[in-house]
Amino acid sequence: LKKMGWLCSDTAELGFSDVRVPVVNLVGPEGSGFLQIMQQFQVER
């Protein structure tokens, strides 16, 4: 993606088409993603 600013920072659109990902790559319990994201959002903000 081409942007107004942050020109040295690459920015992408990503596509996933039947991508097989090992279950061992699941971060935390299944269904816990939203809570993990919200917790880290405060640090990001």
PDB file of all heavy atoms in Angstrom:
ATOM      1  N   LEU A   1       0.814  -1.205   0.000  1.00  0.00           N
ATOM      2  CA  LEU A   1       0.000   0.000   0.000  1.00  0.00           C
ATOM      3  C   LEU A   1       0.855   1.266   0.000  1.00  0.00           C
ATOM      4  O   LEU A   1       1.842   1.361   0.734  1.00  0.00           O
ATOM      5  CB  LEU A   1      -0.921  -0.005   1.221  1.00  0.00           C
ATOM      6  CG  LEU A   1      -1.824  -1.249   1.345  1.00  0.00           C
ATOM      7  CD1 LEU A   1      -2.624  -1.194   2.635  1.00  0.00           C
ATOM      8  CD2 LEU A   1      -2.761  -1.365   0.145  1.00  0.00           C
ATOM      9  N   LYS A   2       0.474   2.227  -0.821  1.00  0.00           N
ATOM     10  CA  LYS A   2       1.147   3.520  -0.896  1.00  0.00           C
ATOM     11  C   LYS A   2       0.407   4.510   0.008  1.00  0.00           C
ATOM     12  O   LYS A   2      -0.813   4.639  -0.081  1.00  0.00           O
ATOM     13  CB  LYS A   2       1.170   4.037  -2.337  1.00  0.00           C
ATOM     14  CG  LYS A   2       1.808   3.073  -3.332  1.00  0.00           C
ATOM     15  CD  LYS A   2       3.276   2.820  -3.015  1.00  0.00           C
ATOM     16  CE  LYS A   2       3.916   1.920  -4.067  1.00  0.00           C
ATOM     17  NZ  LYS A   2       5.334   1.624  -3.729  1.00  0.00           N
ATOM     18  N   LYS A   3       1.163   5.223   0.837  1.00  0.00           N
ATOM     19  CA  LYS A   3       0.539   6.034   1.871  1.00  0.00           C
ATOM     20  C   LYS A   3       0.955   7.501   1.798  1.00  0.00           C
ATOM     21  O   LYS A   3       1.941   7.854   1.151  1.00  0.00           O
ATOM     22  CB  LYS A   3       0.914   5.483   3.253  1.00  0.00           C
ATOM     23  CG  LYS A   3       0.697   3.986   3.412  1.00  0.00           C
ATOM     24  CD  LYS A   3       1.058   3.505   4.802  1.00  0.00           C
ATOM     25  CE  LYS A   3       2.519   3.704   5.158  1.00  0.00           C
ATOM     26  NZ  LYS A   3       3.444   2.955   4.303  1.00  0.00           N
ATOM     27  N   MET A   4       0.207   8.342   2.522  1.00  0.00           N
ATOM     28  CA  MET A   4       0.543   9.760   2.656  1.00  0.00           C
ATOM     29  C   MET A   4       1.849   9.935   3.422  1.00  0.00           C
ATOM     30  O   MET A   4       2.710  10.736   3.042  1.00  0.00           O
ATOM     31  CB  MET A   4      -0.589  10.484   3.405  1.00  0.00           C
ATOM     32  CG  MET A   4      -0.265  11.931   3.774  1.00  0.00           C
ATOM     33  SD  MET A   4      -1.422  12.623   4.985  1.00  0.00           S
ATOM     34  CE  MET A   4      -2.950  12.613   4.053  1.00  0.00           C
ATOM     35  N   GLY A   5       1.981   9.219   4.513  1.00  0.00           N
ATOM     36  CA  GLY A   5       3.148   9.327   5.373  1.00  0.00           C
ATOM     37  C   GLY A   5       3.674   7.958   5.745  1.00  0.00           C
ATOM     38  O   GLY A   5       3.322   6.949   5.142  1.00  0.00           O
ATOM     39  N   TRP A   6       4.542   7.931   6.766  1.00  0.00           N
ATOM     40  CA  TRP A   6       5.180   6.678   7.183  1.00  0.00           C
ATOM     41  C   TRP A   6       5.758   5.945   5.962  1.00  0.00           C
ATOM     42  O   TRP A   6       5.596   4.738   5.797  1.00  0.00           O
ATOM     43  CB  TRP A   6       4.186   5.782   7.897  1.00  0.00           C
ATOM     44  CG  TRP A   6       3.918   6.113   9.331  1.00  0.00           C
ATOM     45  CD1 TRP A   6       4.227   7.261   9.967  1.00  0.00           C
ATOM     46  CD2 TRP A   6       3.278   5.269  10.311  1.00  0.00           C
ATOM     47  NE1 TRP A   6       3.828   7.209  11.292  1.00  0.00           N
ATOM     48  CE2 TRP A   6       3.248   6.000  11.528  1.00  0.00           C
ATOM     49  CE3 TRP A   6       2.734   3.985  10.277  1.00  0.00           C
ATOM     50  CZ2 TRP A   6       2.683   5.473  12.699  1.00  0.00           C
ATOM     51  CZ3 TRP A   6       2.184   3.470  11.430  1.00  0.00           C
ATOM     52  CH2 TRP A   6       2.153   4.196  12.630  1.00  0.00           C
ATOM     53  N   LEU A   7       6.434   6.695   5.112  1.00  0.00           N
ATOM     54  CA  LEU A   7       6.892   6.123   3.838  1.00  0.00           C
ATOM     55  C   LEU A   7       7.928   5.032   4.016  1.00  0.00           C
ATOM     56  O   LEU A   7       8.058   4.145   3.158  1.00  0.00           O
ATOM     57  CB  LEU A   7       7.445   7.238   2.939  1.00  0.00           C
ATOM     58  CG  LEU A   7       6.473   8.360   2.572  1.00  0.00           C
ATOM     59  CD1 LEU A   7       7.107   9.314   1.581  1.00  0.00           C
ATOM     60  CD2 LEU A   7       5.176   7.788   2.006  1.00  0.00           C
ATOM     61  N   CYS A   8       8.702   5.063   5.102  1.00  0.00           N
ATOM     62  CA  CYS A   8       9.715   4.033   5.314  1.00  0.00           C
ATOM     63  C   CYS A   8       9.141   2.787   5.965  1.00  0.00           C
ATOM     64  O   CYS A   8       9.847   1.803   6.178  1.00  0.00           O
ATOM     65  CB  CYS A   8      10.872   4.578   6.153  1.00  0.00           C
ATOM     66  SG  CYS A   8      10.417   4.988   7.858  1.00  0.00           S
ATOM     67  N   SER A   9       7.860   2.827   6.295  1.00  0.00           N
ATOM     68  CA  SER A   9       7.193   1.699   6.936  1.00  0.00           C
ATOM     69  C   SER A   9       6.315   0.979   5.920  1.00  0.00           C
ATOM     70  O   SER A   9       5.334   1.533   5.428  1.00  0.00           O
ATOM     71  CB  SER A   9       6.334   2.205   8.107  1.00  0.00           C
ATOM     72  OG  SER A   9       5.570   1.158   8.668  1.00  0.00           O
ATOM     73  N   ASP A  10       6.688  -0.263   5.583  1.00  0.00           N
ATOM     74  CA  ASP A  10       5.906  -1.013   4.603  1.00  0.00           C
ATOM     75  C   ASP A  10       4.551  -1.402   5.186  1.00  0.00           C
ATOM     76  O   ASP A  10       4.430  -1.775   6.351  1.00  0.00           O
ATOM     77  CB  ASP A  10       6.663  -2.262   4.149  1.00  0.00           C
ATOM     78  CG  ASP A  10       7.003  -3.208   5.293  1.00  0.00           C
ATOM     79  OD1 ASP A  10       7.840  -2.832   6.137  1.00  0.00           O
ATOM     80  OD2 ASP A  10       6.434  -4.322   5.345  1.00  0.00           O
ATOM     81  N   THR A  11       3.533  -1.292   4.366  1.00  0.00           N
ATOM     82  CA  THR A  11       2.165  -1.580   4.790  1.00  0.00           C
ATOM     83  C   THR A  11       1.505  -2.463   3.739  1.00  0.00           C
ATOM     84  O   THR A  11       1.621  -2.195   2.545  1.00  0.00           O
ATOM     85  CB  THR A  11       1.361  -0.280   4.964  1.00  0.00           C
ATOM     86  OG1 THR A  11       2.085   0.604   5.818  1.00  0.00           O
ATOM     87  CG2 THR A  11      -0.001  -0.553   5.569  1.00  0.00           C
ATOM     88  N   ALA A  12       0.802  -3.500   4.185  1.00  0.00           N
ATOM     89  CA  ALA A  12       0.319  -4.513   3.242  1.00  0.00           C
ATOM     90  C   ALA A  12      -1.163  -4.814   3.389  1.00  0.00           C
ATOM     91  O   ALA A  12      -1.754  -4.652   4.458  1.00  0.00           O
ATOM     92  CB  ALA A  12       1.103  -5.808   3.432  1.00  0.00           C
ATOM     93  N   GLU A  13      -1.718  -5.275   2.280  1.00  0.00           N
ATOM     94  CA  GLU A  13      -2.974  -6.015   2.313  1.00  0.00           C
ATOM     95  C   GLU A  13      -2.604  -7.478   2.161  1.00  0.00           C
ATOM     96  O   GLU A  13      -1.819  -7.838   1.283  1.00  0.00           O
ATOM     97  CB  GLU A  13      -3.909  -5.585   1.179  1.00  0.00           C
ATOM     98  CG  GLU A  13      -5.222  -6.348   1.180  1.00  0.00           C
ATOM     99  CD  GLU A  13      -6.189  -5.900   0.097  1.00  0.00           C
ATOM    100  OE1 GLU A  13      -5.827  -5.002  -0.696  1.00  0.00           O
ATOM    101  OE2 GLU A  13      -7.301  -6.453   0.028  1.00  0.00           O
ATOM    102  N   LEU A  14      -3.146  -8.324   3.031  1.00  0.00           N
ATOM    103  CA  LEU A  14      -2.795  -9.736   3.043  1.00  0.00           C
ATOM    104  C   LEU A  14      -4.000 -10.589   2.662  1.00  0.00           C
ATOM    105  O   LEU A  14      -5.135 -10.281   3.036  1.00  0.00           O
ATOM    106  CB  LEU A  14      -2.308 -10.158   4.435  1.00  0.00           C
ATOM    107  CG  LEU A  14      -1.148  -9.345   5.028  1.00  0.00           C
ATOM    108  CD1 LEU A  14      -0.855  -9.805   6.450  1.00  0.00           C
ATOM    109  CD2 LEU A  14       0.087  -9.464   4.149  1.00  0.00           C
ATOM    110  N   GLY A  15      -3.730 -11.655   1.916  1.00  0.00           N
ATOM    111  CA  GLY A  15      -4.787 -12.571   1.519  1.00  0.00           C
ATOM    112  C   GLY A  15      -4.539 -13.978   2.053  1.00  0.00           C
ATOM    113  O   GLY A  15      -3.402 -14.453   2.074  1.00  0.00           O
ATOM    114  N   PHE A  16      -5.621 -14.642   2.476  1.00  0.00           N
ATOM    115  CA  PHE A  16      -5.545 -16.003   3.006  1.00  0.00           C
ATOM    116  C   PHE A  16      -6.543 -16.867   2.243  1.00  0.00           C
ATOM    117  O   PHE A  16      -7.754 -16.627   2.303  1.00  0.00           O
ATOM    118  CB  PHE A  16      -5.889 -16.039   4.497  1.00  0.00           C
ATOM    119  CG  PHE A  16      -5.086 -15.087   5.347  1.00  0.00           C
ATOM    120  CD1 PHE A  16      -5.452 -13.744   5.448  1.00  0.00           C
ATOM    121  CD2 PHE A  16      -3.980 -15.526   6.058  1.00  0.00           C
ATOM    122  CE1 PHE A  16      -4.726 -12.861   6.237  1.00  0.00           C
ATOM    123  CE2 PHE A  16      -3.248 -14.652   6.844  1.00  0.00           C
ATOM    124  CZ  PHE A  16      -3.617 -13.323   6.933  1.00  0.00           C
ATOM    125  N   SER A  17      -6.034 -17.847   1.529  1.00  0.00           N
ATOM    126  CA  SER A  17      -6.895 -18.732   0.746  1.00  0.00           C
ATOM    127  C   SER A  17      -6.583 -20.179   1.092  1.00  0.00           C
ATOM    128  O   SER A  17      -5.573 -20.744   0.652  1.00  0.00           O
ATOM    129  CB  SER A  17      -6.685 -18.483  -0.754  1.00  0.00           C
ATOM    130  OG  SER A  17      -7.493 -19.347  -1.529  1.00  0.00           O
ATOM    131  N   ASP A  18      -7.426 -20.766   1.931  1.00  0.00           N
ATOM    132  CA  ASP A  18      -7.226 -22.151   2.399  1.00  0.00           C
ATOM    133  C   ASP A  18      -5.811 -22.361   2.937  1.00  0.00           C
ATOM    134  O   ASP A  18      -5.140 -23.346   2.607  1.00  0.00           O
ATOM    135  CB  ASP A  18      -7.518 -23.142   1.262  1.00  0.00           C
ATOM    136  CG  ASP A  18      -8.989 -23.204   0.897  1.00  0.00           C
ATOM    137  OD1 ASP A  18      -9.826 -22.935   1.782  1.00  0.00           O
ATOM    138  OD2 ASP A  18      -9.304 -23.497  -0.271  1.00  0.00           O
ATOM    139  N   VAL A  19      -5.368 -21.441   3.769  1.00  0.00           N
ATOM    140  CA  VAL A  19      -4.029 -21.531   4.359  1.00  0.00           C
ATOM    141  C   VAL A  19      -4.073 -22.490   5.543  1.00  0.00           C
ATOM    142  O   VAL A  19      -4.842 -22.292   6.488  1.00  0.00           O
ATOM    143  CB  VAL A  19      -3.533 -20.146   4.836  1.00  0.00           C
ATOM    144  CG1 VAL A  19      -2.116 -20.258   5.388  1.00  0.00           C
ATOM    145  CG2 VAL A  19      -3.595 -19.142   3.705  1.00  0.00           C
ATOM    146  N   ARG A  20      -3.238 -23.530   5.488  1.00  0.00           N
ATOM    147  CA  ARG A  20      -3.196 -24.510   6.575  1.00  0.00           C
ATOM    148  C   ARG A  20      -2.152 -24.067   7.605  1.00  0.00           C
ATOM    149  O   ARG A  20      -0.971 -23.928   7.285  1.00  0.00           O
ATOM    150  CB  ARG A  20      -2.880 -25.903   6.032  1.00  0.00           C
ATOM    151  CG  ARG A  20      -3.960 -26.433   5.080  1.00  0.00           C
ATOM    152  CD  ARG A  20      -3.690 -27.876   4.652  1.00  0.00           C
ATOM    153  NE  ARG A  20      -3.767 -28.813   5.761  1.00  0.00           N
ATOM    154  CZ  ARG A  20      -4.898 -29.328   6.255  1.00  0.00           C
ATOM    155  NH1 ARG A  20      -6.071 -28.970   5.716  1.00  0.00           N
ATOM    156  NH2 ARG A  20      -4.878 -30.176   7.263  1.00  0.00           N
ATOM    157  N   VAL A  21      -2.637 -23.854   8.823  1.00  0.00           N
ATOM    158  CA  VAL A  21      -1.782 -23.367   9.907  1.00  0.00           C
ATOM    159  C   VAL A  21      -1.816 -24.385  11.041  1.00  0.00           C
ATOM    160  O   VAL A  21      -2.897 -24.770  11.494  1.00  0.00           O
ATOM    161  CB  VAL A  21      -2.275 -21.995  10.421  1.00  0.00           C
ATOM    162  CG1 VAL A  21      -1.379 -21.504  11.557  1.00  0.00           C
ATOM    163  CG2 VAL A  21      -2.317 -20.992   9.281  1.00  0.00           C
ATOM    164  N   PRO A  22      -0.653 -24.837  11.509  1.00  0.00           N
ATOM    165  CA  PRO A  22      -0.629 -25.831  12.592  1.00  0.00           C
ATOM    166  C   PRO A  22      -1.349 -25.339  13.846  1.00  0.00           C
ATOM    167  O   PRO A  22      -1.250 -24.158  14.207  1.00  0.00           O
ATOM    168  CB  PRO A  22       0.867 -26.026  12.865  1.00  0.00           C
ATOM    169  CG  PRO A  22       1.555 -25.571  11.620  1.00  0.00           C
ATOM    170  CD  PRO A  22       0.697 -24.479  11.058  1.00  0.00           C
ATOM    171  N   VAL A  23      -2.041 -26.241  14.511  1.00  0.00           N
ATOM    172  CA  VAL A  23      -2.753 -25.901  15.738  1.00  0.00           C
ATOM    173  C   VAL A  23      -1.788 -25.374  16.800  1.00  0.00           C
ATOM    174  O   VAL A  23      -2.171 -24.534  17.629  1.00  0.00           O
ATOM    175  CB  VAL A  23      -3.525 -27.132  16.268  1.00  0.00           C
ATOM    176  CG1 VAL A  23      -4.072 -26.883  17.667  1.00  0.00           C
ATOM    177  CG2 VAL A  23      -4.662 -27.489  15.310  1.00  0.00           C
ATOM    178  N   VAL A  24      -0.540 -25.807  16.763  1.00  0.00           N
ATOM    179  CA  VAL A  24       0.446 -25.343  17.754  1.00  0.00           C
ATOM    180  C   VAL A  24       0.721 -23.842  17.615  1.00  0.00           C
ATOM    181  O   VAL A  24       1.332 -23.238  18.505  1.00  0.00           O
ATOM    182  CB  VAL A  24       1.774 -26.124  17.645  1.00  0.00           C
ATOM    183  CG1 VAL A  24       1.583 -27.576  18.036  1.00  0.00           C
ATOM    184  CG2 VAL A  24       2.378 -25.999  16.248  1.00  0.00           C
ATOM    185  N   ASN A  25       0.270 -23.225  16.506  1.00  0.00           N
ATOM    186  CA  ASN A  25       0.448 -21.784  16.315  1.00  0.00           C
ATOM    187  C   ASN A  25      -0.695 -20.970  16.910  1.00  0.00           C
ATOM    188  O   ASN A  25      -0.733 -19.752  16.758  1.00  0.00           O
ATOM    189  CB  ASN A  25       0.586 -21.456  14.822  1.00  0.00           C
ATOM    190  CG  ASN A  25       1.960 -21.799  14.282  1.00  0.00           C
ATOM    191  OD1 ASN A  25       2.711 -22.547  14.901  1.00  0.00           O
ATOM    192  ND2 ASN A  25       2.299 -21.259  13.126  1.00  0.00           N
ATOM    193  N   LEU A  26      -1.623 -21.647  17.584  1.00  0.00           N
ATOM    194  CA  LEU A  26      -2.700 -20.944  18.277  1.00  0.00           C
ATOM    195  C   LEU A  26      -2.124 -20.277  19.521  1.00  0.00           C
ATOM    196  O   LEU A  26      -1.470 -20.921  20.341  1.00  0.00           O
ATOM    197  CB  LEU A  26      -3.806 -21.926  18.669  1.00  0.00           C
ATOM    198  CG  LEU A  26      -5.013 -21.344  19.424  1.00  0.00           C
ATOM    199  CD1 LEU A  26      -5.840 -20.458  18.507  1.00  0.00           C
ATOM    200  CD2 LEU A  26      -5.879 -22.482  19.993  1.00  0.00           C
ATOM    201  N   VAL A  27      -2.361 -18.982  19.661  1.00  0.00           N
ATOM    202  CA  VAL A  27      -1.832 -18.222  20.803  1.00  0.00           C
ATOM    203  C   VAL A  27      -2.885 -18.183  21.905  1.00  0.00           C
ATOM    204  O   VAL A  27      -3.929 -17.541  21.757  1.00  0.00           O
ATOM    205  CB  VAL A  27      -1.440 -16.792  20.393  1.00  0.00           C
ATOM    206  CG1 VAL A  27      -0.851 -16.041  21.587  1.00  0.00           C
ATOM    207  CG2 VAL A  27      -0.449 -16.818  19.238  1.00  0.00           C
ATOM    208  N   GLY A  28      -2.607 -18.881  23.003  1.00  0.00           N
ATOM    209  CA  GLY A  28      -3.581 -18.943  24.088  1.00  0.00           C
ATOM    210  C   GLY A  28      -4.742 -19.858  23.734  1.00  0.00           C
ATOM    211  O   GLY A  28      -4.782 -20.453  22.649  1.00  0.00           O
ATOM    212  N   PRO A  29      -5.722 -19.974  24.599  1.00  0.00           N
ATOM    213  CA  PRO A  29      -6.873 -20.843  24.332  1.00  0.00           C
ATOM    214  C   PRO A  29      -7.699 -20.332  23.148  1.00  0.00           C
ATOM    215  O   PRO A  29      -7.746 -19.133  22.877  1.00  0.00           O
ATOM    216  CB  PRO A  29      -7.681 -20.778  25.640  1.00  0.00           C
ATOM    217  CG  PRO A  29      -6.733 -20.273  26.669  1.00  0.00           C
ATOM    218  CD  PRO A  29      -5.779 -19.378  25.948  1.00  0.00           C
ATOM    219  N   GLU A  30      -8.348 -21.249  22.494  1.00  0.00           N
ATOM    220  CA  GLU A  30      -9.271 -20.861  21.430  1.00  0.00           C
ATOM    221  C   GLU A  30     -10.382 -19.994  22.026  1.00  0.00           C
ATOM    222  O   GLU A  30     -10.911 -20.291  23.088  1.00  0.00           O
ATOM    223  CB  GLU A  30      -9.869 -22.113  20.770  1.00  0.00           C
ATOM    224  CG  GLU A  30     -10.645 -21.827  19.501  1.00  0.00           C
ATOM    225  CD  GLU A  30     -11.049 -23.102  18.763  1.00  0.00           C
ATOM    226  OE1 GLU A  30     -10.155 -23.757  18.168  1.00  0.00           O
ATOM    227  OE2 GLU A  30     -12.256 -23.433  18.796  1.00  0.00           O
ATOM    228  N   GLY A  31     -10.703 -18.911  21.326  1.00  0.00           N
ATOM    229  CA  GLY A  31     -11.743 -18.004  21.799  1.00  0.00           C
ATOM    230  C   GLY A  31     -11.248 -16.903  22.717  1.00  0.00           C
ATOM    231  O   GLY A  31     -12.034 -16.052  23.151  1.00  0.00           O
ATOM    232  N   SER A  32      -9.941 -16.876  22.990  1.00  0.00           N
ATOM    233  CA  SER A  32      -9.404 -15.853  23.907  1.00  0.00           C
ATOM    234  C   SER A  32      -8.793 -14.668  23.164  1.00  0.00           C
ATOM    235  O   SER A  32      -8.260 -13.749  23.792  1.00  0.00           O
ATOM    236  CB  SER A  32      -8.331 -16.475  24.812  1.00  0.00           C
ATOM    237  OG  SER A  32      -7.169 -16.824  24.065  1.00  0.00           O
ATOM    238  N   GLY A  33      -8.870 -14.675  21.845  1.00  0.00           N
ATOM    239  CA  GLY A  33      -8.192 -13.662  21.052  1.00  0.00           C
ATOM    240  C   GLY A  33      -8.651 -12.240  21.318  1.00  0.00           C
ATOM    241  O   GLY A  33      -7.837 -11.319  21.432  1.00  0.00           O
ATOM    242  N   PHE A  34      -9.957 -12.058  21.446  1.00  0.00           N
ATOM    243  CA  PHE A  34     -10.485 -10.705  21.646  1.00  0.00           C
ATOM    244  C   PHE A  34      -9.947 -10.104  22.944  1.00  0.00           C
ATOM    245  O   PHE A  34      -9.508  -8.945  22.974  1.00  0.00           O
ATOM    246  CB  PHE A  34     -12.011 -10.725  21.660  1.00  0.00           C
ATOM    247  CG  PHE A  34     -12.639  -9.355  21.755  1.00  0.00           C
ATOM    248  CD1 PHE A  34     -12.827  -8.581  20.623  1.00  0.00           C
ATOM    249  CD2 PHE A  34     -13.036  -8.841  22.993  1.00  0.00           C
ATOM    250  CE1 PHE A  34     -13.398  -7.307  20.712  1.00  0.00           C
ATOM    251  CE2 PHE A  34     -13.608  -7.578  23.085  1.00  0.00           C
ATOM    252  CZ  PHE A  34     -13.786  -6.814  21.942  1.00  0.00           C
ATOM    253  N   LEU A  35      -9.967 -10.876  24.015  1.00  0.00           N
ATOM    254  CA  LEU A  35      -9.473 -10.388  25.300  1.00  0.00           C
ATOM    255  C   LEU A  35      -7.988 -10.055  25.215  1.00  0.00           C
ATOM    256  O   LEU A  35      -7.546  -9.012  25.719  1.00  0.00           O
ATOM    257  CB  LEU A  35      -9.714 -11.429  26.394  1.00  0.00           C
ATOM    258  CG  LEU A  35      -9.195 -11.053  27.795  1.00  0.00           C
ATOM    259  CD1 LEU A  35      -9.851  -9.776  28.285  1.00  0.00           C
ATOM    260  CD2 LEU A  35      -9.445 -12.209  28.772  1.00  0.00           C
ATOM    261  N   GLN A  36      -7.210 -10.919  24.558  1.00  0.00           N
ATOM    262  CA  GLN A  36      -5.779 -10.657  24.414  1.00  0.00           C
ATOM    263  C   GLN A  36      -5.529  -9.360  23.639  1.00  0.00           C
ATOM    264  O   GLN A  36      -4.659  -8.560  24.000  1.00  0.00           O
ATOM    265  CB  GLN A  36      -5.100 -11.822  23.689  1.00  0.00           C
ATOM    266  CG  GLN A  36      -5.064 -13.122  24.459  1.00  0.00           C
ATOM    267  CD  GLN A  36      -4.246 -14.170  23.708  1.00  0.00           C
ATOM    268  OE1 GLN A  36      -3.035 -14.024  23.532  1.00  0.00           O
ATOM    269  NE2 GLN A  36      -4.896 -15.234  23.257  1.00  0.00           N
ATOM    270  N   ILE A  37      -6.294  -9.162  22.587  1.00  0.00           N
ATOM    271  CA  ILE A  37      -6.141  -7.953  21.763  1.00  0.00           C
ATOM    272  C   ILE A  37      -6.478  -6.709  22.579  1.00  0.00           C
ATOM    273  O   ILE A  37      -5.760  -5.711  22.546  1.00  0.00           O
ATOM    274  CB  ILE A  37      -7.040  -8.042  20.510  1.00  0.00           C
ATOM    275  CG1 ILE A  37      -6.526  -9.129  19.567  1.00  0.00           C
ATOM    276  CG2 ILE A  37      -7.090  -6.691  19.779  1.00  0.00           C
ATOM    277  CD1 ILE A  37      -7.512  -9.498  18.467  1.00  0.00           C
ATOM    278  N   MET A  38      -7.580  -6.769  23.333  1.00  0.00           N
ATOM    279  CA  MET A  38      -8.002  -5.608  24.116  1.00  0.00           C
ATOM    280  C   MET A  38      -6.977  -5.267  25.191  1.00  0.00           C
ATOM    281  O   MET A  38      -6.701  -4.087  25.452  1.00  0.00           O
ATOM    282  CB  MET A  38      -9.364  -5.877  24.766  1.00  0.00           C
ATOM    283  CG  MET A  38     -10.530  -5.928  23.781  1.00  0.00           C
ATOM    284  SD  MET A  38     -10.755  -4.378  22.848  1.00  0.00           S
ATOM    285  CE  MET A  38     -10.157  -4.894  21.233  1.00  0.00           C
ATOM    286  N   GLN A  39      -6.405  -6.282  25.811  1.00  0.00           N
ATOM    287  CA  GLN A  39      -5.393  -6.033  26.841  1.00  0.00           C
ATOM    288  C   GLN A  39      -4.169  -5.336  26.251  1.00  0.00           C
ATOM    289  O   GLN A  39      -3.630  -4.403  26.845  1.00  0.00           O
ATOM    290  CB  GLN A  39      -4.994  -7.352  27.504  1.00  0.00           C
ATOM    291  CG  GLN A  39      -6.089  -7.942  28.384  1.00  0.00           C
ATOM    292  CD  GLN A  39      -5.775  -9.350  28.870  1.00  0.00           C
ATOM    293  OE1 GLN A  39      -4.983 -10.070  28.259  1.00  0.00           O
ATOM    294  NE2 GLN A  39      -6.391  -9.740  29.975  1.00  0.00           N
ATOM    295  N   GLN A  40      -3.736  -5.776  25.090  1.00  0.00           N
ATOM    296  CA  GLN A  40      -2.562  -5.178  24.458  1.00  0.00           C
ATOM    297  C   GLN A  40      -2.871  -3.827  23.823  1.00  0.00           C
ATOM    298  O   GLN A  40      -1.977  -3.000  23.649  1.00  0.00           O
ATOM    299  CB  GLN A  40      -1.985  -6.139  23.412  1.00  0.00           C
ATOM    300  CG  GLN A  40      -1.338  -7.377  23.997  1.00  0.00           C
ATOM    301  CD  GLN A  40      -0.170  -7.055  24.917  1.00  0.00           C
ATOM    302  OE1 GLN A  40       0.565  -6.090  24.717  1.00  0.00           O
ATOM    303  NE2 GLN A  40       0.005  -7.873  25.943  1.00  0.00           N
ATOM    304  N   PHE A  41      -4.139  -3.604  23.484  1.00  0.00           N
ATOM    305  CA  PHE A  41      -4.532  -2.329  22.879  1.00  0.00           C
ATOM    306  C   PHE A  41      -4.185  -1.154  23.787  1.00  0.00           C
ATOM    307  O   PHE A  41      -3.833  -0.072  23.312  1.00  0.00           O
ATOM    308  CB  PHE A  41      -6.036  -2.319  22.584  1.00  0.00           C
ATOM    309  CG  PHE A  41      -6.371  -2.458  21.118  1.00  0.00           C
ATOM    310  CD1 PHE A  41      -7.633  -2.893  20.725  1.00  0.00           C
ATOM    311  CD2 PHE A  41      -5.451  -2.146  20.129  1.00  0.00           C
ATOM    312  CE1 PHE A  41      -7.954  -3.026  19.381  1.00  0.00           C
ATOM    313  CE2 PHE A  41      -5.760  -2.270  18.779  1.00  0.00           C
ATOM    314  CZ  PHE A  41      -7.008  -2.718  18.409  1.00  0.00           C
ATOM    315  N   GLN A  42      -4.308  -1.329  25.095  1.00  0.00           N
ATOM    316  CA  GLN A  42      -4.036  -0.221  26.002  1.00  0.00           C
ATOM    317  C   GLN A  42      -2.567   0.197  25.930  1.00  0.00           C
ATOM    318  O   GLN A  42      -2.239   1.384  25.937  1.00  0.00           O
ATOM    319  CB  GLN A  42      -4.430  -0.591  27.435  1.00  0.00           C
ATOM    320  CG  GLN A  42      -5.880  -0.997  27.599  1.00  0.00           C
ATOM    321  CD  GLN A  42      -6.843  -0.021  26.937  1.00  0.00           C
ATOM    322  OE1 GLN A  42      -6.746   1.196  27.106  1.00  0.00           O
ATOM    323  NE2 GLN A  42      -7.786  -0.552  26.169  1.00  0.00           N
ATOM    324  N   VAL A  43      -1.680  -0.785  25.820  1.00  0.00           N
ATOM    325  CA  VAL A  43      -0.254  -0.485  25.666  1.00  0.00           C
ATOM    326  C   VAL A  43      -0.001   0.161  24.311  1.00  0.00           C
ATOM    327  O   VAL A  43       0.752   1.145  24.211  1.00  0.00           O
ATOM    328  CB  VAL A  43       0.589  -1.769  25.820  1.00  0.00           C
ATOM    329  CG1 VAL A  43       2.063  -1.480  25.524  1.00  0.00           C
ATOM    330  CG2 VAL A  43       0.433  -2.345  27.217  1.00  0.00           C
ATOM    331  N   GLU A  44      -0.620  -0.370  23.269  1.00  0.00           N
ATOM    332  CA  GLU A  44      -0.435   0.193  21.933  1.00  0.00           C
ATOM    333  C   GLU A  44      -0.909   1.644  21.883  1.00  0.00           C
ATOM    334  O   GLU A  44      -0.244   2.509  21.295  1.00  0.00           O
ATOM    335  CB  GLU A  44      -1.193  -0.637  20.893  1.00  0.00           C
ATOM    336  CG  GLU A  44      -1.037  -0.112  19.477  1.00  0.00           C
ATOM    337  CD  GLU A  44      -1.834  -0.889  18.439  1.00  0.00           C
ATOM    338  OE1 GLU A  44      -2.485  -1.895  18.808  1.00  0.00           O
ATOM    339  OE2 GLU A  44      -1.816  -0.485  17.257  1.00  0.00           O
ATOM    340  N   ARG A  45      -2.043   1.928  22.500  1.00  0.00           N
ATOM    341  CA  ARG A  45      -2.578   3.287  22.477  1.00  0.00           C
ATOM    342  C   ARG A  45      -1.687   4.243  23.266  1.00  0.00           C
ATOM    343  O   ARG A  45      -1.483   5.388  22.847  1.00  0.00           O
ATOM    344  CB  ARG A  45      -4.007   3.284  23.010  1.00  0.00           C
ATOM    345  CG  ARG A  45      -4.983   2.687  22.014  1.00  0.00           C
ATOM    346  CD  ARG A  45      -6.325   2.316  22.614  1.00  0.00           C
ATOM    347  NE  ARG A  45      -7.194   1.751  21.578  1.00  0.00           N
ATOM    348  CZ  ARG A  45      -8.312   1.097  21.812  1.00  0.00           C
ATOM    349  NH1 ARG A  45      -8.727   0.911  23.060  1.00  0.00           N
ATOM    350  NH2 ARG A  45      -9.033   0.608  20.812  1.00  0.00           N
TER     351      ARG A  45
END
